[in-house]
Amino acid sequence: MLCSAISRSALELIHAEVMKKVHAQEEPGTMDKCNCATGIRYLLPCSHHIQLAVPIQVNQIVTCK
């Protein structure tokens, strides 16, 4: 379950990206050439990589070891 595997701040960033998708407020770009700050800075899925009604899997989150 995603909410027990990542930090609250990461979860909030992902939630913001889901809301962008829901309200069609995505940054310009495509999945192939996405340059969203969420993906670049935080290594989290951005609105271009999120599918509505499909759960985000823990393996979609990049972890540093």
PDB file of N, CA and C in Angstrom:
ATOM      1  N   MET A   1       0.850  -1.181   0.000  1.00  0.00           N
ATOM      2  CA  MET A   1       0.000   0.000   0.000  1.00  0.00           C
ATOM      3  C   MET A   1       0.890   1.237   0.000  1.00  0.00           C
ATOM      4  N   LEU A   2       0.625   2.122  -0.911  1.00  0.00           N
ATOM      5  CA  LEU A   2       1.480   3.288  -1.124  1.00  0.00           C
ATOM      6  C   LEU A   2       1.570   4.191   0.089  1.00  0.00           C
ATOM      7  N   CYS A   3       0.462   4.431   0.764  1.00  0.00           N
ATOM      8  CA  CYS A   3       0.467   5.382   1.883  1.00  0.00           C
ATOM      9  C   CYS A   3       1.302   4.912   3.061  1.00  0.00           C
ATOM     10  N   SER A   4       1.603   3.650   3.144  1.00  0.00           N
ATOM     11  CA  SER A   4       2.455   3.169   4.241  1.00  0.00           C
ATOM     12  C   SER A   4       3.900   2.952   3.806  1.00  0.00           C
ATOM     13  N   ALA A   5       4.191   3.194   2.511  1.00  0.00           N
ATOM     14  CA  ALA A   5       5.529   2.932   1.997  1.00  0.00           C
ATOM     15  C   ALA A   5       6.335   4.187   1.695  1.00  0.00           C
ATOM     16  N   ILE A   6       5.675   5.350   1.620  1.00  0.00           N
ATOM     17  CA  ILE A   6       6.401   6.586   1.299  1.00  0.00           C
ATOM     18  C   ILE A   6       6.058   7.656   2.325  1.00  0.00           C
ATOM     19  N   SER A   7       6.834   8.720   2.328  1.00  0.00           N
ATOM     20  CA  SER A   7       6.612   9.790   3.305  1.00  0.00           C
ATOM     21  C   SER A   7       5.334  10.560   2.993  1.00  0.00           C
ATOM     22  N   ARG A   8       4.849  11.244   4.008  1.00  0.00           N
ATOM     23  CA  ARG A   8       3.635  12.045   3.839  1.00  0.00           C
ATOM     24  C   ARG A   8       3.842  13.142   2.804  1.00  0.00           C
ATOM     25  N   SER A   9       5.021  13.766   2.790  1.00  0.00           N
ATOM     26  CA  SER A   9       5.269  14.830   1.816  1.00  0.00           C
ATOM     27  C   SER A   9       5.276  14.281   0.387  1.00  0.00           C
ATOM     28  N   ALA A  10       5.830  13.090   0.189  1.00  0.00           N
ATOM     29  CA  ALA A  10       5.805  12.464  -1.136  1.00  0.00           C
ATOM     30  C   ALA A  10       4.375  12.124  -1.538  1.00  0.00           C
ATOM     31  N   LEU A  11       3.605  11.639  -0.593  1.00  0.00           N
ATOM     32  CA  LEU A  11       2.207  11.323  -0.858  1.00  0.00           C
ATOM     33  C   LEU A  11       1.427  12.574  -1.244  1.00  0.00           C
ATOM     34  N   GLU A  12       1.711  13.694  -0.591  1.00  0.00           N
ATOM     35  CA  GLU A  12       1.039  14.958  -0.908  1.00  0.00           C
ATOM     36  C   GLU A  12       1.430  15.451  -2.305  1.00  0.00           C
ATOM     37  N   LEU A  13       2.696  15.273  -2.688  1.00  0.00           N
ATOM     38  CA  LEU A  13       3.123  15.664  -4.029  1.00  0.00           C
ATOM     39  C   LEU A  13       2.413  14.821  -5.093  1.00  0.00           C
ATOM     40  N   ILE A  14       2.309  13.528  -4.851  1.00  0.00           N
ATOM     41  CA  ILE A  14       1.607  12.653  -5.792  1.00  0.00           C
ATOM     42  C   ILE A  14       0.130  13.026  -5.868  1.00  0.00           C
ATOM     43  N   HIS A  15      -0.462  13.339  -4.730  1.00  0.00           N
ATOM     44  CA  HIS A  15      -1.871  13.751  -4.716  1.00  0.00           C
ATOM     45  C   HIS A  15      -2.068  15.010  -5.565  1.00  0.00           C
ATOM     46  N   ALA A  16      -1.149  15.956  -5.460  1.00  0.00           N
ATOM     47  CA  ALA A  16      -1.232  17.180  -6.269  1.00  0.00           C
ATOM     48  C   ALA A  16      -1.160  16.850  -7.758  1.00  0.00           C
ATOM     49  N   GLU A  17      -0.332  15.876  -8.121  1.00  0.00           N
ATOM     50  CA  GLU A  17      -0.228  15.472  -9.529  1.00  0.00           C
ATOM     51  C   GLU A  17      -1.514  14.795 -10.004  1.00  0.00           C
ATOM     52  N   VAL A  18      -2.127  13.993  -9.140  1.00  0.00           N
ATOM     53  CA  VAL A  18      -3.407  13.362  -9.485  1.00  0.00           C
ATOM     54  C   VAL A  18      -4.464  14.437  -9.708  1.00  0.00           C
ATOM     55  N   MET A  19      -4.476  15.458  -8.855  1.00  0.00           N
ATOM     56  CA  MET A  19      -5.457  16.541  -9.002  1.00  0.00           C
ATOM     57  C   MET A  19      -5.239  17.321 -10.300  1.00  0.00           C
ATOM     58  N   LYS A  20      -3.982  17.493 -10.709  1.00  0.00           N
ATOM     59  CA  LYS A  20      -3.702  18.127 -12.004  1.00  0.00           C
ATOM     60  C   LYS A  20      -4.330  17.314 -13.125  1.00  0.00           C
ATOM     61  N   LYS A  21      -4.198  15.999 -13.033  1.00  0.00           N
ATOM     62  CA  LYS A  21      -4.746  15.100 -14.046  1.00  0.00           C
ATOM     63  C   LYS A  21      -6.272  15.179 -14.052  1.00  0.00           C
ATOM     64  N   VAL A  22      -6.867  15.145 -12.876  1.00  0.00           N
ATOM     65  CA  VAL A  22      -8.327  15.178 -12.758  1.00  0.00           C
ATOM     66  C   VAL A  22      -8.902  16.465 -13.341  1.00  0.00           C
ATOM     67  N   HIS A  23      -8.230  17.572 -13.089  1.00  0.00           N
ATOM     68  CA  HIS A  23      -8.738  18.875 -13.519  1.00  0.00           C
ATOM     69  C   HIS A  23      -8.119  19.352 -14.827  1.00  0.00           C
ATOM     70  N   ALA A  24      -7.440  18.473 -15.537  1.00  0.00           N
ATOM     71  CA  ALA A  24      -6.818  18.777 -16.829  1.00  0.00           C
ATOM     72  C   ALA A  24      -5.934  20.016 -16.754  1.00  0.00           C
ATOM     73  N   GLN A  25      -5.104  20.093 -15.720  1.00  0.00           N
ATOM     74  CA  GLN A  25      -4.197  21.217 -15.541  1.00  0.00           C
ATOM     75  C   GLN A  25      -2.738  20.760 -15.610  1.00  0.00           C
ATOM     76  N   GLU A  26      -2.483  19.770 -16.449  1.00  0.00           N
ATOM     77  CA  GLU A  26      -1.136  19.227 -16.571  1.00  0.00           C
ATOM     78  C   GLU A  26      -0.206  20.219 -17.260  1.00  0.00           C
ATOM     79  N   GLU A  27       1.078  20.142 -16.895  1.00  0.00           N
ATOM     80  CA  GLU A  27       2.090  20.934 -17.580  1.00  0.00           C
ATOM     81  C   GLU A  27       2.228  20.403 -19.003  1.00  0.00           C
ATOM     82  N   PRO A  28       2.572  21.267 -19.948  1.00  0.00           N
ATOM     83  CA  PRO A  28       2.767  20.769 -21.314  1.00  0.00           C
ATOM     84  C   PRO A  28       3.851  19.702 -21.348  1.00  0.00           C
ATOM     85  N   GLY A  29       3.644  18.696 -22.143  1.00  0.00           N
ATOM     86  CA  GLY A  29       4.627  17.615 -22.256  1.00  0.00           C
ATOM     87  C   GLY A  29       3.940  16.304 -22.574  1.00  0.00           C
ATOM     88  N   THR A  30       4.728  15.311 -22.803  1.00  0.00           N
ATOM     89  CA  THR A  30       4.198  13.980 -23.062  1.00  0.00           C
ATOM     90  C   THR A  30       4.952  12.993 -22.193  1.00  0.00           C
ATOM     91  N   MET A  31       4.522  11.766 -22.210  1.00  0.00           N
ATOM     92  CA  MET A  31       5.221  10.749 -21.432  1.00  0.00           C
ATOM     93  C   MET A  31       6.650  10.560 -21.937  1.00  0.00           C
ATOM     94  N   ASP A  32       6.860  10.721 -23.239  1.00  0.00           N
ATOM     95  CA  ASP A  32       8.193  10.507 -23.806  1.00  0.00           C
ATOM     96  C   ASP A  32       9.162  11.642 -23.473  1.00  0.00           C
ATOM     97  N   LYS A  33       8.670  12.868 -23.446  1.00  0.00           N
ATOM     98  CA  LYS A  33       9.549  14.020 -23.219  1.00  0.00           C
ATOM     99  C   LYS A  33       9.044  14.864 -22.070  1.00  0.00           C
ATOM    100  N   CYS A  34       8.687  14.231 -20.993  1.00  0.00           N
ATOM    101  CA  CYS A  34       8.162  14.931 -19.825  1.00  0.00           C
ATOM    102  C   CYS A  34       9.300  15.632 -19.089  1.00  0.00           C
ATOM    103  N   ASN A  35       9.069  16.885 -18.719  1.00  0.00           N
ATOM    104  CA  ASN A  35      10.059  17.620 -17.937  1.00  0.00           C
ATOM    105  C   ASN A  35       9.419  18.250 -16.699  1.00  0.00           C
ATOM    106  N   CYS A  36       8.470  17.540 -16.139  1.00  0.00           N
ATOM    107  CA  CYS A  36       7.774  18.024 -14.950  1.00  0.00           C
ATOM    108  C   CYS A  36       8.720  18.056 -13.750  1.00  0.00           C
ATOM    109  N   ALA A  37       8.600  19.070 -12.940  1.00  0.00           N
ATOM    110  CA  ALA A  37       9.454  19.227 -11.761  1.00  0.00           C
ATOM    111  C   ALA A  37       9.288  18.070 -10.780  1.00  0.00           C
ATOM    112  N   THR A  38       8.078  17.563 -10.641  1.00  0.00           N
ATOM    113  CA  THR A  38       7.841  16.470  -9.697  1.00  0.00           C
ATOM    114  C   THR A  38       8.666  15.239 -10.062  1.00  0.00           C
ATOM    115  N   GLY A  39       8.711  14.921 -11.324  1.00  0.00           N
ATOM    116  CA  GLY A  39       9.488  13.773 -11.769  1.00  0.00           C
ATOM    117  C   GLY A  39      10.984  14.008 -11.695  1.00  0.00           C
ATOM    118  N   ILE A  40      11.409  15.209 -12.070  1.00  0.00           N
ATOM    119  CA  ILE A  40      12.842  15.520 -12.109  1.00  0.00           C
ATOM    120  C   ILE A  40      13.408  15.733 -10.713  1.00  0.00           C
ATOM    121  N   ARG A  41      12.748  16.550  -9.911  1.00  0.00           N
ATOM    122  CA  ARG A  41      13.271  16.876  -8.568  1.00  0.00           C
ATOM    123  C   ARG A  41      13.083  15.764  -7.555  1.00  0.00           C
ATOM    124  N   TYR A  42      11.896  15.185  -7.562  1.00  0.00           N
ATOM    125  CA  TYR A  42      11.539  14.249  -6.490  1.00  0.00           C
ATOM    126  C   TYR A  42      11.493  12.789  -6.921  1.00  0.00           C
ATOM    127  N   LEU A  43      11.670  12.533  -8.216  1.00  0.00           N
ATOM    128  CA  LEU A  43      11.626  11.168  -8.756  1.00  0.00           C
ATOM    129  C   LEU A  43      10.310  10.467  -8.436  1.00  0.00           C
ATOM    130  N   LEU A  44       9.235  11.240  -8.474  1.00  0.00           N
ATOM    131  CA  LEU A  44       7.891  10.717  -8.240  1.00  0.00           C
ATOM    132  C   LEU A  44       7.100  10.775  -9.537  1.00  0.00           C
ATOM    133  N   PRO A  45       6.087   9.942  -9.691  1.00  0.00           N
ATOM    134  CA  PRO A  45       5.296   9.986 -10.917  1.00  0.00           C
ATOM    135  C   PRO A  45       4.563  11.320 -11.043  1.00  0.00           C
ATOM    136  N   CYS A  46       4.667  11.922 -12.213  1.00  0.00           N
ATOM    137  CA  CYS A  46       3.961  13.179 -12.460  1.00  0.00           C
ATOM    138  C   CYS A  46       2.616  12.873 -13.118  1.00  0.00           C
ATOM    139  N   SER A  47       1.862  13.909 -13.406  1.00  0.00           N
ATOM    140  CA  SER A  47       0.525  13.720 -13.969  1.00  0.00           C
ATOM    141  C   SER A  47       0.556  12.997 -15.314  1.00  0.00           C
ATOM    142  N   HIS A  48       1.656  13.109 -16.053  1.00  0.00           N
ATOM    143  CA  HIS A  48       1.751  12.416 -17.340  1.00  0.00           C
ATOM    144  C   HIS A  48       1.895  10.903 -17.185  1.00  0.00           C
ATOM    145  N   HIS A  49       2.370  10.462 -16.043  1.00  0.00           N
ATOM    146  CA  HIS A  49       2.591   9.033 -15.814  1.00  0.00           C
ATOM    147  C   HIS A  49       1.526   8.395 -14.922  1.00  0.00           C
ATOM    148  N   ILE A  50       0.544   9.177 -14.538  1.00  0.00           N
ATOM    149  CA  ILE A  50      -0.534   8.684 -13.680  1.00  0.00           C
ATOM    150  C   ILE A  50      -1.755   8.413 -14.541  1.00  0.00           C
ATOM    151  N   GLN A  51      -2.354   7.260 -14.331  1.00  0.00           N
ATOM    152  CA  GLN A  51      -3.592   6.913 -15.019  1.00  0.00           C
ATOM    153  C   GLN A  51      -4.721   6.972 -14.004  1.00  0.00           C
ATOM    154  N   LEU A  52      -5.770   7.679 -14.350  1.00  0.00           N
ATOM    155  CA  LEU A  52      -6.910   7.774 -13.440  1.00  0.00           C
ATOM    156  C   LEU A  52      -7.556   6.411 -13.269  1.00  0.00           C
ATOM    157  N   ALA A  53      -8.009   6.130 -12.080  1.00  0.00           N
ATOM    158  CA  ALA A  53      -8.681   4.879 -11.708  1.00  0.00           C
ATOM    159  C   ALA A  53      -7.741   3.673 -11.719  1.00  0.00           C
ATOM    160  N   VAL A  54      -6.419   3.920 -11.780  1.00  0.00           N
ATOM    161  CA  VAL A  54      -5.436   2.844 -11.701  1.00  0.00           C
ATOM    162  C   VAL A  54      -4.529   3.153 -10.512  1.00  0.00           C
ATOM    163  N   PRO A  55      -4.476   2.261  -9.534  1.00  0.00           N
ATOM    164  CA  PRO A  55      -3.641   2.527  -8.361  1.00  0.00           C
ATOM    165  C   PRO A  55      -2.169   2.695  -8.721  1.00  0.00           C
ATOM    166  N   ILE A  56      -1.496   3.584  -8.026  1.00  0.00           N
ATOM    167  CA  ILE A  56      -0.057   3.777  -8.199  1.00  0.00           C
ATOM    168  C   ILE A  56       0.633   2.706  -7.360  1.00  0.00           C
ATOM    169  N   GLN A  57       1.513   1.980  -7.995  1.00  0.00           N
ATOM    170  CA  GLN A  57       2.230   0.901  -7.317  1.00  0.00           C
ATOM    171  C   GLN A  57       3.498   1.441  -6.637  1.00  0.00           C
ATOM    172  N   VAL A  58       3.904   0.800  -5.581  1.00  0.00           N
ATOM    173  CA  VAL A  58       5.101   1.208  -4.864  1.00  0.00           C
ATOM    174  C   VAL A  58       6.325   1.162  -5.775  1.00  0.00           C
ATOM    175  N   ASN A  59       6.373   0.214  -6.706  1.00  0.00           N
ATOM    176  CA  ASN A  59       7.534   0.121  -7.600  1.00  0.00           C
ATOM    177  C   ASN A  59       7.603   1.258  -8.603  1.00  0.00           C
ATOM    178  N   GLN A  60       6.587   2.115  -8.693  1.00  0.00           N
ATOM    179  CA  GLN A  60       6.645   3.304  -9.522  1.00  0.00           C
ATOM    180  C   GLN A  60       7.390   4.444  -8.845  1.00  0.00           C
ATOM    181  N   ILE A  61       7.692   4.281  -7.556  1.00  0.00           N
ATOM    182  CA  ILE A  61       8.403   5.275  -6.784  1.00  0.00           C
ATOM    183  C   ILE A  61       9.884   4.910  -6.778  1.00  0.00           C
ATOM    184  N   VAL A  62      10.720   5.844  -7.198  1.00  0.00           N
ATOM    185  CA  VAL A  62      12.157   5.608  -7.209  1.00  0.00           C
ATOM    186  C   VAL A  62      12.670   5.774  -5.799  1.00  0.00           C
ATOM    187  N   THR A  63      13.407   4.799  -5.318  1.00  0.00           N
ATOM    188  CA  THR A  63      13.967   4.897  -3.968  1.00  0.00           C
ATOM    189  C   THR A  63      15.475   4.952  -4.048  1.00  0.00           C
ATOM    190  N   CYS A  64      16.056   5.763  -3.202  1.00  0.00           N
ATOM    191  CA  CYS A  64      17.512   5.858  -3.115  1.00  0.00           C
ATOM    192  C   CYS A  64      17.991   4.916  -2.027  1.00  0.00           C
ATOM    193  N   LYS A  65      19.044   4.195  -2.312  1.00  0.00           N
ATOM    194  CA  LYS A  65      19.592   3.255  -1.323  1.00  0.00           C
ATOM    195  C   LYS A  65      21.032   3.551  -1.064  1.00  0.00           C
TER     196      LYS A  65
END
